[in-house]
Amino acid sequence: MKAVLVILDIIVVIASVLLTLLILMHKGKGGGISDMFGGGIGSNAGTSGVAEKNLNRITVIVALIWLAVIIALGLLARFGYTL
């Protein structure tokens, strides 16, 4: 059971970093933190409607994975399975 907890912890860390990066890559709507980084990948990904839609889909999928793993870890902790 400890192996499952370690794997879930690793998935949470990876999903958290990915989610942060994906959110920062979104096209800025004006004045937000995504505008702080200027050009680069963020502005290039935001120029195409298809690229922005794909970025939205990937962001939602990673967010759902993150949420599912957090819930699983919470349930495991609730029923006494801890490291």
Protein backbone atom coordinates (compact mmCIF):
# COMPACT_ATOMS: atom_id res chain seq x y z
CA MET A 1 0.00 0.00 0.00
CA LYS A 2 2.93 2.31 0.65
CA ALA A 3 3.97 2.01 -3.00
CA VAL A 4 0.54 3.27 -4.09
CA LEU A 5 0.84 6.27 -1.77
CA VAL A 6 4.31 7.10 -3.09
CA ILE A 7 3.13 6.83 -6.70
CA LEU A 8 0.10 9.03 -5.98
CA ASP A 9 2.34 11.59 -4.26
CA ILE A 10 4.65 11.68 -7.28
CA ILE A 11 1.68 12.09 -9.64
CA VAL A 12 0.38 15.01 -7.53
CA VAL A 13 3.73 16.77 -7.69
CA ILE A 14 4.08 16.28 -11.45
CA ALA A 15 0.47 17.32 -12.10
CA SER A 16 0.88 20.41 -9.90
CA VAL A 17 3.95 21.58 -11.80
CA LEU A 18 2.31 20.84 -15.17
CA LEU A 19 -0.87 22.62 -14.16
CA THR A 20 1.07 25.70 -13.08
CA LEU A 21 2.99 25.79 -16.36
CA LEU A 22 -0.11 25.21 -18.47
CA ILE A 23 -2.02 28.00 -16.74
CA LEU A 24 0.87 30.40 -17.25
CA MET A 25 0.98 29.50 -20.96
CA HIS A 26 -2.59 30.65 -21.59
CA LYS A 27 -3.16 33.79 -23.55
CA GLY A 28 -3.45 36.76 -21.27
CA LYS A 29 -6.79 38.52 -21.21
CA GLY A 30 -5.07 41.70 -20.11
CA GLY A 31 -3.23 42.70 -16.98
CA GLY A 32 -2.91 39.22 -15.49
CA ILE A 33 0.11 37.27 -14.36
CA SER A 34 0.41 35.66 -17.79
CA ASP A 35 1.25 39.09 -19.24
CA MET A 36 4.13 39.43 -16.81
CA PHE A 37 6.27 37.05 -18.87
CA GLY A 38 5.75 38.86 -22.16
CA GLY A 39 6.37 36.98 -25.40
CA GLY A 40 7.67 33.47 -25.89
CA ILE A 41 5.59 30.34 -25.83
CA GLY A 42 2.63 31.91 -24.09
CA SER A 43 1.95 34.50 -26.75
CA ASN A 44 2.65 32.08 -29.61
CA ALA A 45 0.25 29.49 -28.22
CA GLY A 46 -2.41 32.16 -27.80
CA THR A 47 -2.27 33.40 -31.39
CA SER A 48 -3.98 30.32 -32.85
CA GLY A 49 -7.54 29.44 -31.93
CA VAL A 50 -6.81 25.73 -32.33
CA ALA A 51 -3.71 25.92 -30.16
CA GLU A 52 -5.61 27.76 -27.42
CA LYS A 53 -8.42 25.18 -27.51
CA ASN A 54 -5.93 22.33 -27.26
CA LEU A 55 -4.17 24.09 -24.40
CA ASN A 56 -7.54 24.47 -22.66
CA ARG A 57 -8.30 20.76 -23.11
CA ILE A 58 -4.90 19.68 -21.82
CA THR A 59 -5.23 22.03 -18.84
CA VAL A 60 -8.65 20.61 -17.94
CA ILE A 61 -7.41 17.02 -18.26
CA VAL A 62 -4.39 17.68 -16.02
CA ALA A 63 -6.63 19.50 -13.52
CA LEU A 64 -9.03 16.53 -13.40
CA ILE A 65 -6.15 14.12 -12.90
CA TRP A 66 -4.81 16.33 -10.10
CA LEU A 67 -8.25 16.50 -8.47
CA ALA A 68 -8.81 12.73 -8.70
CA VAL A 69 -5.43 11.97 -7.13
CA ILE A 70 -6.01 14.51 -4.34
CA ILE A 71 -9.38 12.89 -3.58
CA ALA A 72 -7.79 9.42 -3.64
CA LEU A 73 -5.06 10.52 -1.25
CA GLY A 74 -7.66 12.09 1.03
CA LEU A 75 -9.72 8.91 1.09
CA LEU A 76 -6.67 6.78 1.77
CA ALA A 77 -5.67 9.08 4.63
CA ARG A 78 -9.22 9.00 5.98
CA PHE A 79 -9.17 5.22 6.19
CA GLY A 80 -5.77 5.08 7.85
CA TYR A 81 -3.38 4.41 4.98
CA THR A 82 -0.50 6.79 5.50
CA LEU A 83 3.24 6.73 4.92
